[in-house]
Amino acid sequence: MSYCCEIWGNTYPSRLRKLSLLQKKAIRIIYSLDYPGHTSVFFHCSKILKLEDLIIHRTMVYAL
């Protein structure tokens, strides 16, 4: 997901939403969570950046 996200990260929000949902689905599978469960805590515990945070981080690093 981090490959060239500085470039494709500025695409339409509807396209990013699909990737974000897949990322959340993967976290739910890894931690055996039910569908309506929140994933924020599990992203933090596993030290994985959410897609939106990853795009911001990589864009800022690229800008420097």
PDB file of N, CA and C in Angstrom:
ATOM      1  N   MET A   1       0.807  -1.184   0.000  1.00  0.00           N
ATOM      2  CA  MET A   1       0.000   0.000   0.000  1.00  0.00           C
ATOM      3  C   MET A   1       0.855   1.254   0.000  1.00  0.00           C
ATOM      4  N   SER A   2       2.081   1.141   0.403  1.00  0.00           N
ATOM      5  CA  SER A   2       2.909   2.338   0.485  1.00  0.00           C
ATOM      6  C   SER A   2       3.639   2.646  -0.819  1.00  0.00           C
ATOM      7  N   TYR A   3       3.565   1.740  -1.788  1.00  0.00           N
ATOM      8  CA  TYR A   3       4.275   1.958  -3.046  1.00  0.00           C
ATOM      9  C   TYR A   3       3.671   3.139  -3.799  1.00  0.00           C
ATOM     10  N   CYS A   4       4.433   4.193  -3.951  1.00  0.00           N
ATOM     11  CA  CYS A   4       4.046   5.412  -4.688  1.00  0.00           C
ATOM     12  C   CYS A   4       2.763   6.048  -4.171  1.00  0.00           C
ATOM     13  N   CYS A   5       2.472   5.904  -2.894  1.00  0.00           N
ATOM     14  CA  CYS A   5       1.230   6.493  -2.385  1.00  0.00           C
ATOM     15  C   CYS A   5       1.275   8.014  -2.409  1.00  0.00           C
ATOM     16  N   GLU A   6       2.459   8.602  -2.566  1.00  0.00           N
ATOM     17  CA  GLU A   6       2.545  10.053  -2.725  1.00  0.00           C
ATOM     18  C   GLU A   6       1.858  10.481  -4.012  1.00  0.00           C
ATOM     19  N   ILE A   7       1.846   9.600  -4.992  1.00  0.00           N
ATOM     20  CA  ILE A   7       1.259   9.908  -6.296  1.00  0.00           C
ATOM     21  C   ILE A   7      -0.215   9.523  -6.321  1.00  0.00           C
ATOM     22  N   TRP A   8      -0.523   8.265  -6.050  1.00  0.00           N
ATOM     23  CA  TRP A   8      -1.918   7.828  -6.168  1.00  0.00           C
ATOM     24  C   TRP A   8      -2.754   8.212  -4.957  1.00  0.00           C
ATOM     25  N   GLY A   9      -2.134   8.721  -3.902  1.00  0.00           N
ATOM     26  CA  GLY A   9      -2.870   9.107  -2.709  1.00  0.00           C
ATOM     27  C   GLY A   9      -3.772  10.310  -2.904  1.00  0.00           C
ATOM     28  N   ASN A  10      -3.577  11.035  -3.994  1.00  0.00           N
ATOM     29  CA  ASN A  10      -4.401  12.215  -4.265  1.00  0.00           C
ATOM     30  C   ASN A  10      -5.507  11.931  -5.272  1.00  0.00           C
ATOM     31  N   THR A  11      -5.896  10.694  -5.399  1.00  0.00           N
ATOM     32  CA  THR A  11      -6.968  10.324  -6.318  1.00  0.00           C
ATOM     33  C   THR A  11      -8.327  10.608  -5.673  1.00  0.00           C
ATOM     34  N   TYR A  12      -9.371  10.220  -6.329  1.00  0.00           N
ATOM     35  CA  TYR A  12     -10.727  10.449  -5.823  1.00  0.00           C
ATOM     36  C   TYR A  12     -10.936   9.721  -4.498  1.00  0.00           C
ATOM     37  N   PRO A  13     -11.616  10.361  -3.547  1.00  0.00           N
ATOM     38  CA  PRO A  13     -11.882   9.714  -2.248  1.00  0.00           C
ATOM     39  C   PRO A  13     -12.635   8.393  -2.373  1.00  0.00           C
ATOM     40  N   SER A  14     -13.469   8.256  -3.393  1.00  0.00           N
ATOM     41  CA  SER A  14     -14.212   7.003  -3.561  1.00  0.00           C
ATOM     42  C   SER A  14     -13.269   5.837  -3.844  1.00  0.00           C
ATOM     43  N   ARG A  15     -12.190   6.098  -4.526  1.00  0.00           N
ATOM     44  CA  ARG A  15     -11.217   5.021  -4.798  1.00  0.00           C
ATOM     45  C   ARG A  15     -10.392   4.698  -3.564  1.00  0.00           C
ATOM     46  N   LEU A  16     -10.050   5.710  -2.797  1.00  0.00           N
ATOM     47  CA  LEU A  16      -9.301   5.476  -1.564  1.00  0.00           C
ATOM     48  C   LEU A  16     -10.162   4.754  -0.536  1.00  0.00           C
ATOM     49  N   ARG A  17     -11.443   5.012  -0.555  1.00  0.00           N
ATOM     50  CA  ARG A  17     -12.362   4.372   0.398  1.00  0.00           C
ATOM     51  C   ARG A  17     -12.342   2.860   0.220  1.00  0.00           C
ATOM     52  N   LYS A  18     -12.284   2.399  -1.016  1.00  0.00           N
ATOM     53  CA  LYS A  18     -12.242   0.953  -1.260  1.00  0.00           C
ATOM     54  C   LYS A  18     -10.985   0.338  -0.649  1.00  0.00           C
ATOM     55  N   LEU A  19      -9.848   1.003  -0.812  1.00  0.00           N
ATOM     56  CA  LEU A  19      -8.606   0.495  -0.227  1.00  0.00           C
ATOM     57  C   LEU A  19      -8.651   0.532   1.296  1.00  0.00           C
ATOM     58  N   SER A  20      -9.219   1.595   1.832  1.00  0.00           N
ATOM     59  CA  SER A  20      -9.333   1.721   3.280  1.00  0.00           C
ATOM     60  C   SER A  20     -10.202   0.606   3.860  1.00  0.00           C
ATOM     61  N   LEU A  21     -11.290   0.302   3.185  1.00  0.00           N
ATOM     62  CA  LEU A  21     -12.163  -0.782   3.649  1.00  0.00           C
ATOM     63  C   LEU A  21     -11.451  -2.133   3.596  1.00  0.00           C
ATOM     64  N   LEU A  22     -10.644  -2.350   2.571  1.00  0.00           N
ATOM     65  CA  LEU A  22      -9.880  -3.600   2.488  1.00  0.00           C
ATOM     66  C   LEU A  22      -8.847  -3.689   3.608  1.00  0.00           C
ATOM     67  N   GLN A  23      -8.225  -2.566   3.936  1.00  0.00           N
ATOM     68  CA  GLN A  23      -7.248  -2.549   5.017  1.00  0.00           C
ATOM     69  C   GLN A  23      -7.926  -2.864   6.352  1.00  0.00           C
ATOM     70  N   LYS A  24      -9.093  -2.272   6.584  1.00  0.00           N
ATOM     71  CA  LYS A  24      -9.836  -2.554   7.814  1.00  0.00           C
ATOM     72  C   LYS A  24     -10.295  -4.004   7.859  1.00  0.00           C
ATOM     73  N   LYS A  25     -10.677  -4.536   6.717  1.00  0.00           N
ATOM     74  CA  LYS A  25     -11.098  -5.936   6.649  1.00  0.00           C
ATOM     75  C   LYS A  25      -9.939  -6.858   7.020  1.00  0.00           C
ATOM     76  N   ALA A  26      -8.738  -6.525   6.560  1.00  0.00           N
ATOM     77  CA  ALA A  26      -7.563  -7.331   6.892  1.00  0.00           C
ATOM     78  C   ALA A  26      -7.287  -7.303   8.397  1.00  0.00           C
ATOM     79  N   ILE A  27      -7.416  -6.134   9.020  1.00  0.00           N
ATOM     80  CA  ILE A  27      -7.221  -6.030  10.474  1.00  0.00           C
ATOM     81  C   ILE A  27      -8.267  -6.860  11.211  1.00  0.00           C
ATOM     82  N   ARG A  28      -9.506  -6.817  10.728  1.00  0.00           N
ATOM     83  CA  ARG A  28     -10.569  -7.612  11.366  1.00  0.00           C
ATOM     84  C   ARG A  28     -10.287  -9.103  11.253  1.00  0.00           C
ATOM     85  N   ILE A  29      -9.748  -9.528  10.126  1.00  0.00           N
ATOM     86  CA  ILE A  29      -9.416 -10.943   9.944  1.00  0.00           C
ATOM     87  C   ILE A  29      -8.262 -11.334  10.861  1.00  0.00           C
ATOM     88  N   ILE A  30      -7.231 -10.503  10.924  1.00  0.00           N
ATOM     89  CA  ILE A  30      -6.060 -10.803  11.753  1.00  0.00           C
ATOM     90  C   ILE A  30      -6.450 -10.937  13.223  1.00  0.00           C
ATOM     91  N   TYR A  31      -7.293 -10.034  13.705  1.00  0.00           N
ATOM     92  CA  TYR A  31      -7.668 -10.022  15.119  1.00  0.00           C
ATOM     93  C   TYR A  31      -9.009 -10.696  15.403  1.00  0.00           C
ATOM     94  N   SER A  32      -9.600 -11.349  14.429  1.00  0.00           N
ATOM     95  CA  SER A  32     -10.880 -12.057  14.575  1.00  0.00           C
ATOM     96  C   SER A  32     -11.971 -11.162  15.167  1.00  0.00           C
ATOM     97  N   LEU A  33     -12.132  -9.983  14.587  1.00  0.00           N
ATOM     98  CA  LEU A  33     -13.136  -9.028  15.059  1.00  0.00           C
ATOM     99  C   LEU A  33     -14.432  -9.194  14.292  1.00  0.00           C
ATOM    100  N   ASP A  34     -15.530  -8.818  14.936  1.00  0.00           N
ATOM    101  CA  ASP A  34     -16.816  -8.778  14.252  1.00  0.00           C
ATOM    102  C   ASP A  34     -16.853  -7.551  13.351  1.00  0.00           C
ATOM    103  N   TYR A  35     -17.785  -7.561  12.405  1.00  0.00           N
ATOM    104  CA  TYR A  35     -17.855  -6.476  11.432  1.00  0.00           C
ATOM    105  C   TYR A  35     -18.068  -5.098  12.049  1.00  0.00           C
ATOM    106  N   PRO A  36     -19.022  -4.900  12.953  1.00  0.00           N
ATOM    107  CA  PRO A  36     -19.223  -3.526  13.426  1.00  0.00           C
ATOM    108  C   PRO A  36     -18.166  -3.041  14.421  1.00  0.00           C
ATOM    109  N   GLY A  37     -17.202  -3.878  14.751  1.00  0.00           N
ATOM    110  CA  GLY A  37     -16.187  -3.486  15.722  1.00  0.00           C
ATOM    111  C   GLY A  37     -15.245  -2.412  15.192  1.00  0.00           C
ATOM    112  N   HIS A  38     -14.788  -1.543  16.089  1.00  0.00           N
ATOM    113  CA  HIS A  38     -13.856  -0.492  15.711  1.00  0.00           C
ATOM    114  C   HIS A  38     -12.458  -1.075  15.530  1.00  0.00           C
ATOM    115  N   THR A  39     -11.715  -0.520  14.586  1.00  0.00           N
ATOM    116  CA  THR A  39     -10.391  -1.039  14.272  1.00  0.00           C
ATOM    117  C   THR A  39      -9.262  -0.122  14.709  1.00  0.00           C
ATOM    118  N   SER A  40      -9.562   1.083  15.145  1.00  0.00           N
ATOM    119  CA  SER A  40      -8.523   2.070  15.470  1.00  0.00           C
ATOM    120  C   SER A  40      -7.533   1.550  16.508  1.00  0.00           C
ATOM    121  N   VAL A  41      -8.030   0.937  17.557  1.00  0.00           N
ATOM    122  CA  VAL A  41      -7.162   0.423  18.612  1.00  0.00           C
ATOM    123  C   VAL A  41      -6.240  -0.658  18.064  1.00  0.00           C
ATOM    124  N   PHE A  42      -6.745  -1.479  17.176  1.00  0.00           N
ATOM    125  CA  PHE A  42      -5.961  -2.586  16.640  1.00  0.00           C
ATOM    126  C   PHE A  42      -4.912  -2.110  15.634  1.00  0.00           C
ATOM    127  N   PHE A  43      -5.208  -1.038  14.918  1.00  0.00           N
ATOM    128  CA  PHE A  43      -4.176  -0.425  14.076  1.00  0.00           C
ATOM    129  C   PHE A  43      -3.036   0.071  14.964  1.00  0.00           C
ATOM    130  N   HIS A  44      -3.400   0.722  16.068  1.00  0.00           N
ATOM    131  CA  HIS A  44      -2.393   1.262  16.979  1.00  0.00           C
ATOM    132  C   HIS A  44      -1.571   0.138  17.620  1.00  0.00           C
ATOM    133  N   CYS A  45      -2.233  -0.916  18.078  1.00  0.00           N
ATOM    134  CA  CYS A  45      -1.537  -2.041  18.720  1.00  0.00           C
ATOM    135  C   CYS A  45      -0.572  -2.735  17.770  1.00  0.00           C
ATOM    136  N   SER A  46      -0.965  -2.860  16.520  1.00  0.00           N
ATOM    137  CA  SER A  46      -0.120  -3.552  15.553  1.00  0.00           C
ATOM    138  C   SER A  46       0.870  -2.619  14.870  1.00  0.00           C
ATOM    139  N   LYS A  47       0.839  -1.328  15.234  1.00  0.00           N
ATOM    140  CA  LYS A  47       1.757  -0.319  14.685  1.00  0.00           C
ATOM    141  C   LYS A  47       1.658  -0.227  13.166  1.00  0.00           C
ATOM    142  N   ILE A  48       0.430  -0.301  12.674  1.00  0.00           N
ATOM    143  CA  ILE A  48       0.154  -0.151  11.247  1.00  0.00           C
ATOM    144  C   ILE A  48      -0.572   1.170  11.061  1.00  0.00           C
ATOM    145  N   LEU A  49      -0.096   1.980  10.128  1.00  0.00           N
ATOM    146  CA  LEU A  49      -0.770   3.245   9.841  1.00  0.00           C
ATOM    147  C   LEU A  49      -2.009   2.991   9.001  1.00  0.00           C
ATOM    148  N   LYS A  50      -3.083   3.709   9.327  1.00  0.00           N
ATOM    149  CA  LYS A  50      -4.269   3.653   8.473  1.00  0.00           C
ATOM    150  C   LYS A  50      -3.904   4.264   7.129  1.00  0.00           C
ATOM    151  N   LEU A  51      -4.661   3.924   6.112  1.00  0.00           N
ATOM    152  CA  LEU A  51      -4.362   4.389   4.764  1.00  0.00           C
ATOM    153  C   LEU A  51      -4.248   5.908   4.707  1.00  0.00           C
ATOM    154  N   GLU A  52      -5.183   6.613   5.309  1.00  0.00           N
ATOM    155  CA  GLU A  52      -5.163   8.076   5.280  1.00  0.00           C
ATOM    156  C   GLU A  52      -3.902   8.617   5.947  1.00  0.00           C
ATOM    157  N   ASP A  53      -3.528   8.022   7.081  1.00  0.00           N
ATOM    158  CA  ASP A  53      -2.332   8.454   7.798  1.00  0.00           C
ATOM    159  C   ASP A  53      -1.071   8.120   7.016  1.00  0.00           C
ATOM    160  N   LEU A  54      -1.066   6.979   6.356  1.00  0.00           N
ATOM    161  CA  LEU A  54       0.075   6.582   5.542  1.00  0.00           C
ATOM    162  C   LEU A  54       0.293   7.563   4.395  1.00  0.00           C
ATOM    163  N   ILE A  55      -0.781   7.963   3.746  1.00  0.00           N
ATOM    164  CA  ILE A  55      -0.675   8.910   2.632  1.00  0.00           C
ATOM    165  C   ILE A  55      -0.127  10.243   3.124  1.00  0.00           C
ATOM    166  N   ILE A  56      -0.646  10.727   4.247  1.00  0.00           N
ATOM    167  CA  ILE A  56      -0.157  11.993   4.799  1.00  0.00           C
ATOM    168  C   ILE A  56       1.314  11.885   5.174  1.00  0.00           C
ATOM    169  N   HIS A  57       1.676  10.814   5.852  1.00  0.00           N
ATOM    170  CA  HIS A  57       3.062  10.623   6.286  1.00  0.00           C
ATOM    171  C   HIS A  57       4.018  10.567   5.103  1.00  0.00           C
ATOM    172  N   ARG A  58       3.704   9.737   4.122  1.00  0.00           N
ATOM    173  CA  ARG A  58       4.596   9.584   2.971  1.00  0.00           C
ATOM    174  C   ARG A  58       4.691  10.858   2.142  1.00  0.00           C
ATOM    175  N   THR A  59       3.584  11.594   2.035  1.00  0.00           N
ATOM    176  CA  THR A  59       3.605  12.851   1.291  1.00  0.00           C
ATOM    177  C   THR A  59       4.478  13.873   2.005  1.00  0.00           C
ATOM    178  N   MET A  60       4.392  13.923   3.324  1.00  0.00           N
ATOM    179  CA  MET A  60       5.220  14.857   4.087  1.00  0.00           C
ATOM    180  C   MET A  60       6.699  14.496   3.989  1.00  0.00           C
ATOM    181  N   VAL A  61       7.024  13.220   4.062  1.00  0.00           N
ATOM    182  CA  VAL A  61       8.415  12.786   3.943  1.00  0.00           C
ATOM    183  C   VAL A  61       8.939  13.089   2.541  1.00  0.00           C
ATOM    184  N   TYR A  62       8.111  12.857   1.539  1.00  0.00           N
ATOM    185  CA  TYR A  62       8.501  13.121   0.152  1.00  0.00           C
ATOM    186  C   TYR A  62       8.732  14.611  -0.069  1.00  0.00           C
ATOM    187  N   ALA A  63       7.938  15.455   0.600  1.00  0.00           N
ATOM    188  CA  ALA A  63       8.046  16.906   0.425  1.00  0.00           C
ATOM    189  C   ALA A  63       9.343  17.452   1.012  1.00  0.00           C
ATOM    190  N   LEU A  64       9.903  16.752   1.980  1.00  0.00           N
ATOM    191  CA  LEU A  64      11.153  17.221   2.584  1.00  0.00           C
ATOM    192  C   LEU A  64      12.279  16.879   1.672  1.00  0.00           C
TER     193      LEU A  64
END
